[in-house]
Amino acid sequence: MVNGTVIQLNVEALKAQAGLDMTHAPYKDSALALPDLVSGKVHVLFDVMVAGLQPVKDGKLNALAVGGTKRSTLLPDVPHGCRG
């Protein structure tokens, strides 16, 4: 997403800890990023859950994990990504 946001900084920390090789593609907001994600132009998006909730429910996107210490009631089948 936007450079310097909490989301981007968390992704950079994840990349470093997991040894991932990903290139940051800055977008002004989720409304601009989601069409590129659905079309396959970009391969992954880290964002607030509500931004991608409908495409996940429609089967257009796969949610890999949600942040937090427990599963979300909005996506109960998606594992949480934080220890706690």
N, C-alpha and C. Protein backbone atom coordinates (compact mmCIF):
# COMPACT_ATOMS: atom_id res chain seq x y z
N MET A 1 0.83 -1.19 0.00
CA MET A 1 0.00 0.00 0.00
C MET A 1 0.88 1.25 0.00
N VAL A 2 0.44 2.29 0.65
CA VAL A 2 1.15 3.56 0.66
C VAL A 2 2.46 3.41 1.43
N ASN A 3 3.52 4.02 0.93
CA ASN A 3 4.83 3.96 1.59
C ASN A 3 4.75 4.51 3.01
N GLY A 4 5.40 3.81 3.93
CA GLY A 4 5.54 4.28 5.29
C GLY A 4 4.35 4.04 6.20
N THR A 5 3.33 3.35 5.74
CA THR A 5 2.19 3.06 6.61
C THR A 5 2.54 1.90 7.54
N VAL A 6 1.76 1.72 8.57
CA VAL A 6 1.96 0.61 9.50
C VAL A 6 1.90 -0.72 8.75
N ILE A 7 0.99 -0.83 7.80
CA ILE A 7 0.87 -2.07 7.02
C ILE A 7 2.16 -2.33 6.26
N GLN A 8 2.69 -1.35 5.57
CA GLN A 8 3.91 -1.56 4.80
C GLN A 8 5.09 -1.88 5.71
N LEU A 9 5.20 -1.23 6.84
CA LEU A 9 6.29 -1.51 7.77
C LEU A 9 6.18 -2.93 8.33
N ASN A 10 4.97 -3.39 8.60
CA ASN A 10 4.79 -4.76 9.07
C ASN A 10 5.16 -5.77 7.99
N VAL A 11 4.83 -5.48 6.74
CA VAL A 11 5.20 -6.37 5.65
C VAL A 11 6.72 -6.42 5.51
N GLU A 12 7.38 -5.28 5.64
CA GLU A 12 8.84 -5.26 5.56
C GLU A 12 9.45 -6.10 6.68
N ALA A 13 8.89 -6.03 7.87
CA ALA A 13 9.37 -6.86 8.97
C ALA A 13 9.14 -8.35 8.69
N LEU A 14 7.97 -8.69 8.16
CA LEU A 14 7.69 -10.08 7.80
C LEU A 14 8.67 -10.57 6.74
N LYS A 15 8.92 -9.76 5.72
CA LYS A 15 9.87 -10.13 4.67
C LYS A 15 11.24 -10.44 5.26
N ALA A 16 11.71 -9.58 6.16
CA ALA A 16 13.03 -9.77 6.76
C ALA A 16 13.07 -11.02 7.63
N GLN A 17 12.05 -11.23 8.45
CA GLN A 17 12.03 -12.37 9.36
C GLN A 17 11.90 -13.69 8.63
N ALA A 18 11.11 -13.70 7.55
CA ALA A 18 10.85 -14.95 6.82
C ALA A 18 11.78 -15.14 5.62
N GLY A 19 12.62 -14.16 5.35
CA GLY A 19 13.51 -14.25 4.21
C GLY A 19 12.79 -14.23 2.87
N LEU A 20 11.70 -13.48 2.79
CA LEU A 20 10.90 -13.41 1.57
C LEU A 20 11.47 -12.38 0.60
N ASP A 21 11.36 -12.65 -0.68
CA ASP A 21 11.79 -11.72 -1.71
C ASP A 21 10.55 -11.20 -2.42
N MET A 22 10.07 -10.05 -1.99
CA MET A 22 8.89 -9.44 -2.58
C MET A 22 9.20 -7.98 -2.88
N THR A 23 8.62 -7.46 -3.94
CA THR A 23 8.80 -6.06 -4.30
C THR A 23 7.55 -5.28 -3.91
N HIS A 24 7.75 -4.17 -3.20
CA HIS A 24 6.63 -3.34 -2.78
C HIS A 24 6.11 -2.55 -3.97
N ALA A 25 4.83 -2.64 -4.23
CA ALA A 25 4.18 -1.87 -5.29
C ALA A 25 3.20 -0.91 -4.62
N PRO A 26 3.59 0.35 -4.45
CA PRO A 26 2.72 1.28 -3.73
C PRO A 26 1.45 1.63 -4.51
N TYR A 27 0.34 1.63 -3.80
CA TYR A 27 -0.96 2.05 -4.34
C TYR A 27 -1.49 3.14 -3.43
N LYS A 28 -2.26 4.01 -4.00
CA LYS A 28 -2.84 5.10 -3.23
C LYS A 28 -3.85 4.58 -2.20
N ASP A 29 -4.64 3.56 -2.60
CA ASP A 29 -5.59 2.95 -1.67
C ASP A 29 -6.02 1.58 -2.19
N SER A 30 -6.78 0.88 -1.37
CA SER A 30 -7.23 -0.47 -1.70
C SER A 30 -8.10 -0.53 -2.95
N ALA A 31 -8.89 0.50 -3.16
CA ALA A 31 -9.79 0.51 -4.33
C ALA A 31 -9.00 0.42 -5.63
N LEU A 32 -7.77 0.92 -5.63
CA LEU A 32 -6.92 0.83 -6.82
C LEU A 32 -6.15 -0.49 -6.86
N ALA A 33 -5.82 -1.03 -5.72
CA ALA A 33 -5.02 -2.25 -5.66
C ALA A 33 -5.84 -3.51 -5.92
N LEU A 34 -7.07 -3.55 -5.45
CA LEU A 34 -7.88 -4.78 -5.56
C LEU A 34 -8.10 -5.25 -6.99
N PRO A 35 -8.43 -4.38 -7.95
CA PRO A 35 -8.59 -4.88 -9.32
C PRO A 35 -7.31 -5.51 -9.88
N ASP A 36 -6.15 -4.94 -9.53
CA ASP A 36 -4.90 -5.53 -9.99
C ASP A 36 -4.64 -6.87 -9.31
N LEU A 37 -5.04 -7.00 -8.07
CA LEU A 37 -4.90 -8.28 -7.37
C LEU A 37 -5.81 -9.34 -7.97
N VAL A 38 -7.07 -9.00 -8.18
CA VAL A 38 -8.03 -9.95 -8.75
C VAL A 38 -7.60 -10.39 -10.15
N SER A 39 -7.04 -9.46 -10.94
CA SER A 39 -6.64 -9.79 -12.31
C SER A 39 -5.30 -10.52 -12.37
N GLY A 40 -4.58 -10.56 -11.28
CA GLY A 40 -3.28 -11.24 -11.26
C GLY A 40 -2.10 -10.36 -11.58
N LYS A 41 -2.33 -9.07 -11.75
CA LYS A 41 -1.23 -8.14 -12.02
C LYS A 41 -0.27 -8.06 -10.83
N VAL A 42 -0.83 -8.09 -9.62
CA VAL A 42 -0.03 -8.22 -8.40
C VAL A 42 -0.46 -9.52 -7.72
N HIS A 43 0.43 -10.08 -6.92
CA HIS A 43 0.19 -11.44 -6.41
C HIS A 43 -0.23 -11.51 -4.96
N VAL A 44 0.00 -10.46 -4.20
CA VAL A 44 -0.36 -10.49 -2.78
C VAL A 44 -0.67 -9.06 -2.33
N LEU A 45 -1.59 -8.96 -1.38
CA LEU A 45 -1.95 -7.67 -0.80
C LEU A 45 -2.10 -7.83 0.70
N PHE A 46 -1.43 -6.97 1.43
CA PHE A 46 -1.60 -6.89 2.87
C PHE A 46 -2.42 -5.64 3.13
N ASP A 47 -3.58 -5.80 3.74
CA ASP A 47 -4.45 -4.65 3.95
C ASP A 47 -5.42 -4.95 5.08
N VAL A 48 -6.22 -3.97 5.44
CA VAL A 48 -7.26 -4.21 6.43
C VAL A 48 -8.28 -5.20 5.83
N MET A 49 -8.84 -6.03 6.65
CA MET A 49 -9.69 -7.11 6.16
C MET A 49 -10.91 -6.63 5.39
N VAL A 50 -11.52 -5.56 5.82
CA VAL A 50 -12.75 -5.12 5.15
C VAL A 50 -12.52 -4.76 3.69
N ALA A 51 -11.29 -4.36 3.34
CA ALA A 51 -11.00 -3.98 1.95
C ALA A 51 -11.17 -5.16 1.00
N GLY A 52 -10.74 -6.34 1.41
CA GLY A 52 -10.80 -7.50 0.52
C GLY A 52 -11.85 -8.52 0.89
N LEU A 53 -12.69 -8.19 1.83
CA LEU A 53 -13.67 -9.16 2.33
C LEU A 53 -14.62 -9.67 1.25
N GLN A 54 -15.21 -8.78 0.48
CA GLN A 54 -16.18 -9.22 -0.52
C GLN A 54 -15.55 -10.07 -1.62
N PRO A 55 -14.39 -9.69 -2.18
CA PRO A 55 -13.78 -10.57 -3.19
C PRO A 55 -13.43 -11.96 -2.64
N VAL A 56 -13.08 -12.03 -1.36
CA VAL A 56 -12.81 -13.34 -0.75
C VAL A 56 -14.11 -14.14 -0.65
N LYS A 57 -15.17 -13.51 -0.17
CA LYS A 57 -16.46 -14.20 -0.05
C LYS A 57 -17.02 -14.60 -1.41
N ASP A 58 -16.70 -13.82 -2.46
CA ASP A 58 -17.15 -14.13 -3.81
C ASP A 58 -16.29 -15.19 -4.50
N GLY A 59 -15.21 -15.62 -3.84
CA GLY A 59 -14.33 -16.62 -4.42
C GLY A 59 -13.34 -16.07 -5.43
N LYS A 60 -13.19 -14.75 -5.51
CA LYS A 60 -12.26 -14.13 -6.45
C LYS A 60 -10.84 -14.04 -5.88
N LEU A 61 -10.71 -14.05 -4.55
CA LEU A 61 -9.42 -13.99 -3.87
C LEU A 61 -9.37 -15.04 -2.78
N ASN A 62 -8.16 -15.44 -2.42
CA ASN A 62 -7.95 -16.35 -1.30
C ASN A 62 -7.32 -15.58 -0.16
N ALA A 63 -7.90 -15.67 1.01
CA ALA A 63 -7.32 -15.07 2.21
C ALA A 63 -6.41 -16.11 2.85
N LEU A 64 -5.15 -15.75 3.06
CA LEU A 64 -4.20 -16.69 3.65
C LEU A 64 -4.20 -16.65 5.16
N ALA A 65 -4.39 -15.46 5.73
CA ALA A 65 -4.39 -15.30 7.18
C ALA A 65 -4.94 -13.93 7.53
N VAL A 66 -5.37 -13.80 8.77
CA VAL A 66 -5.76 -12.51 9.32
C VAL A 66 -4.85 -12.22 10.50
N GLY A 67 -4.61 -10.93 10.73
CA GLY A 67 -3.80 -10.57 11.88
C GLY A 67 -4.61 -10.68 13.16
N GLY A 68 -3.93 -10.81 14.26
CA GLY A 68 -4.61 -10.89 15.55
C GLY A 68 -4.32 -12.21 16.24
N THR A 69 -4.83 -12.33 17.43
CA THR A 69 -4.54 -13.52 18.24
C THR A 69 -5.62 -14.58 18.14
N LYS A 70 -6.67 -14.31 17.37
CA LYS A 70 -7.71 -15.32 17.16
C LYS A 70 -8.32 -15.14 15.78
N ARG A 71 -9.05 -16.13 15.33
CA ARG A 71 -9.71 -16.07 14.03
C ARG A 71 -10.77 -14.98 14.03
N SER A 72 -11.02 -14.45 12.85
CA SER A 72 -12.04 -13.42 12.71
C SER A 72 -13.41 -14.07 12.55
N THR A 73 -14.41 -13.47 13.12
CA THR A 73 -15.77 -13.97 12.92
C THR A 73 -16.26 -13.69 11.50
N LEU A 74 -15.63 -12.73 10.81
CA LEU A 74 -16.01 -12.43 9.43
C LEU A 74 -15.48 -13.48 8.45
N LEU A 75 -14.33 -14.09 8.77
CA LEU A 75 -13.74 -15.15 7.95
C LEU A 75 -13.29 -16.28 8.89
N PRO A 76 -14.23 -17.01 9.46
CA PRO A 76 -13.89 -17.98 10.49
C PRO A 76 -13.03 -19.15 10.02
N ASP A 77 -12.97 -19.40 8.72
CA ASP A 77 -12.16 -20.51 8.21
C ASP A 77 -10.74 -20.09 7.87
N VAL A 78 -10.42 -18.83 8.03
CA VAL A 78 -9.08 -18.33 7.72
C VAL A 78 -8.29 -18.26 9.02
N PRO A 79 -7.09 -18.88 9.04
CA PRO A 79 -6.31 -18.86 10.27
C PRO A 79 -5.81 -17.46 10.61
N HIS A 80 -5.53 -17.25 11.90
CA HIS A 80 -4.94 -15.97 12.32
C HIS A 80 -3.43 -16.10 12.20
N GLY A 81 -2.78 -14.98 11.98
CA GLY A 81 -1.35 -15.01 11.71
C GLY A 81 -0.48 -14.59 12.85
N CYS A 82 -1.02 -14.37 14.04
CA CYS A 82 -0.22 -13.93 15.17
C CYS A 82 -0.26 -14.94 16.28
N ARG A 83 0.82 -15.04 16.97
CA ARG A 83 0.85 -15.90 18.15
C ARG A 83 0.26 -15.14 19.32
N GLY A 84 -0.37 -15.85 20.19
CA GLY A 84 -0.92 -15.15 21.34
C GLY A 84 -1.68 -16.05 22.25
